[in-house]
Amino acid sequence: MAFADAAIDPTCDPVDARRLIERAMGRDAMIDAAAVIAGFDAITRVADGSGIPLEPPKAEASADWRARLGIDDYWTMKV
């Protein structure tokens, strides 16, 4: 979890997180974990960029900050 947190939180140290995984599970496990983190990031960006609809629970949870940022005013393609 520390490695995943370090990938998205600029206050976390990814070097320490990588070392923890390497010591506990080996270099191959660390590389696999990095690939999974990168894959999830890429999949999310593709989904967002292609206009896949936001799931209702996520839409509800993010309604306030989407309104403040004006995200709902962005152009979308209606399917």
C-alpha atoms as a PDB file:
ATOM      1  CA  MET A   1       0.000   0.000   0.000  1.00  0.00           C
ATOM      2  CA  ALA A   2       2.877   2.371   0.722  1.00  0.00           C
ATOM      3  CA  PHE A   3       4.114   1.939  -2.846  1.00  0.00           C
ATOM      4  CA  ALA A   4       0.675   2.667  -4.327  1.00  0.00           C
ATOM      5  CA  ASP A   5       0.313   5.685  -2.047  1.00  0.00           C
ATOM      6  CA  ALA A   6       3.747   6.949  -3.086  1.00  0.00           C
ATOM      7  CA  ALA A   7       2.737   6.738  -6.737  1.00  0.00           C
ATOM      8  CA  ILE A   8      -0.108   9.232  -6.271  1.00  0.00           C
ATOM      9  CA  ASP A   9       0.858  11.275  -3.207  1.00  0.00           C
ATOM     10  CA  PRO A  10       3.694  13.744  -3.704  1.00  0.00           C
ATOM     11  CA  THR A  11       4.332  13.804   0.057  1.00  0.00           C
ATOM     12  CA  CYS A  12       5.234  10.088   0.078  1.00  0.00           C
ATOM     13  CA  ASP A  13       8.709   8.828  -0.815  1.00  0.00           C
ATOM     14  CA  PRO A  14       8.560   6.288  -3.669  1.00  0.00           C
ATOM     15  CA  VAL A  15      12.204   5.298  -3.169  1.00  0.00           C
ATOM     16  CA  ASP A  16      11.565   4.071   0.374  1.00  0.00           C
ATOM     17  CA  ALA A  17       8.382   2.299  -0.726  1.00  0.00           C
ATOM     18  CA  ARG A  18      10.216   0.494  -3.534  1.00  0.00           C
ATOM     19  CA  ARG A  19      12.970  -0.576  -1.145  1.00  0.00           C
ATOM     20  CA  LEU A  20      10.422  -1.987   1.307  1.00  0.00           C
ATOM     21  CA  ILE A  21       8.874  -4.160  -1.395  1.00  0.00           C
ATOM     22  CA  GLU A  22      12.275  -5.254  -2.679  1.00  0.00           C
ATOM     23  CA  ARG A  23      13.421  -6.296   0.788  1.00  0.00           C
ATOM     24  CA  ALA A  24      10.201  -8.104   1.623  1.00  0.00           C
ATOM     25  CA  MET A  25       9.379  -9.701  -1.731  1.00  0.00           C
ATOM     26  CA  GLY A  26      12.260  -9.208  -4.152  1.00  0.00           C
ATOM     27  CA  ARG A  27      12.998  -7.037  -7.152  1.00  0.00           C
ATOM     28  CA  ASP A  28      10.637  -8.883  -9.498  1.00  0.00           C
ATOM     29  CA  ALA A  29       7.701  -8.260  -7.140  1.00  0.00           C
ATOM     30  CA  MET A  30       8.574  -4.569  -6.973  1.00  0.00           C
ATOM     31  CA  ILE A  31       8.659  -4.371 -10.766  1.00  0.00           C
ATOM     32  CA  ASP A  32       5.317  -6.197 -10.989  1.00  0.00           C
ATOM     33  CA  ALA A  33       3.783  -3.794  -8.469  1.00  0.00           C
ATOM     34  CA  ALA A  34       5.091  -0.808 -10.435  1.00  0.00           C
ATOM     35  CA  ALA A  35       3.582  -2.232 -13.626  1.00  0.00           C
ATOM     36  CA  VAL A  36       0.183  -2.683 -11.960  1.00  0.00           C
ATOM     37  CA  ILE A  37       0.243   0.892 -10.633  1.00  0.00           C
ATOM     38  CA  ALA A  38       1.184   2.230 -14.069  1.00  0.00           C
ATOM     39  CA  GLY A  39      -1.494   0.113 -15.732  1.00  0.00           C
ATOM     40  CA  PHE A  40      -4.251   1.425 -13.501  1.00  0.00           C
ATOM     41  CA  ASP A  41      -3.126   4.997 -14.098  1.00  0.00           C
ATOM     42  CA  ALA A  42      -3.133   4.459 -17.865  1.00  0.00           C
ATOM     43  CA  ILE A  43      -6.514   2.716 -17.882  1.00  0.00           C
ATOM     44  CA  THR A  44      -8.073   5.581 -15.928  1.00  0.00           C
ATOM     45  CA  ARG A  45      -6.641   8.155 -18.313  1.00  0.00           C
ATOM     46  CA  VAL A  46      -7.940   6.251 -21.349  1.00  0.00           C
ATOM     47  CA  ALA A  47     -11.396   5.930 -19.775  1.00  0.00           C
ATOM     48  CA  ASP A  48     -11.482   9.616 -18.883  1.00  0.00           C
ATOM     49  CA  GLY A  49     -10.237  10.673 -22.309  1.00  0.00           C
ATOM     50  CA  SER A  50     -12.700   8.504 -24.190  1.00  0.00           C
ATOM     51  CA  GLY A  51     -15.702   9.840 -22.299  1.00  0.00           C
ATOM     52  CA  ILE A  52     -16.739   6.689 -20.477  1.00  0.00           C
ATOM     53  CA  PRO A  53     -19.547   7.792 -18.138  1.00  0.00           C
ATOM     54  CA  LEU A  54     -18.803   8.337 -14.466  1.00  0.00           C
ATOM     55  CA  GLU A  55     -20.484   5.732 -12.270  1.00  0.00           C
ATOM     56  CA  PRO A  56     -23.415   7.135 -10.218  1.00  0.00           C
ATOM     57  CA  PRO A  57     -21.725   6.715  -6.782  1.00  0.00           C
ATOM     58  CA  LYS A  58     -18.593   8.499  -8.048  1.00  0.00           C
ATOM     59  CA  ALA A  59     -20.676  11.204  -9.703  1.00  0.00           C
ATOM     60  CA  GLU A  60     -22.495  11.839  -6.426  1.00  0.00           C
ATOM     61  CA  ALA A  61     -19.303  11.847  -4.344  1.00  0.00           C
ATOM     62  CA  SER A  62     -17.536  14.275  -6.683  1.00  0.00           C
ATOM     63  CA  ALA A  63     -20.465  16.597  -7.529  1.00  0.00           C
ATOM     64  CA  ASP A  64     -19.315  19.495  -5.328  1.00  0.00           C
ATOM     65  CA  TRP A  65     -15.735  19.743  -6.528  1.00  0.00           C
ATOM     66  CA  ARG A  66     -16.695  19.078 -10.172  1.00  0.00           C
ATOM     67  CA  ALA A  67     -19.079  22.051  -9.951  1.00  0.00           C
ATOM     68  CA  ARG A  68     -16.415  24.268  -8.332  1.00  0.00           C
ATOM     69  CA  LEU A  69     -13.904  23.373 -11.063  1.00  0.00           C
ATOM     70  CA  GLY A  70     -16.451  23.687 -13.872  1.00  0.00           C
ATOM     71  CA  ILE A  71     -15.729  20.167 -15.068  1.00  0.00           C
ATOM     72  CA  ASP A  72     -19.378  19.499 -15.834  1.00  0.00           C
ATOM     73  CA  ASP A  73     -19.232  22.307 -18.405  1.00  0.00           C
ATOM     74  CA  TYR A  74     -16.596  20.475 -20.482  1.00  0.00           C
ATOM     75  CA  TRP A  75     -17.716  19.222 -23.851  1.00  0.00           C
ATOM     76  CA  THR A  76     -18.752  15.580 -23.935  1.00  0.00           C
ATOM     77  CA  MET A  77     -19.960  13.357 -26.727  1.00  0.00           C
ATOM     78  CA  LYS A  78     -23.408  11.974 -25.992  1.00  0.00           C
ATOM     79  CA  VAL A  79     -23.737   8.348 -26.989  1.00  0.00           C
END
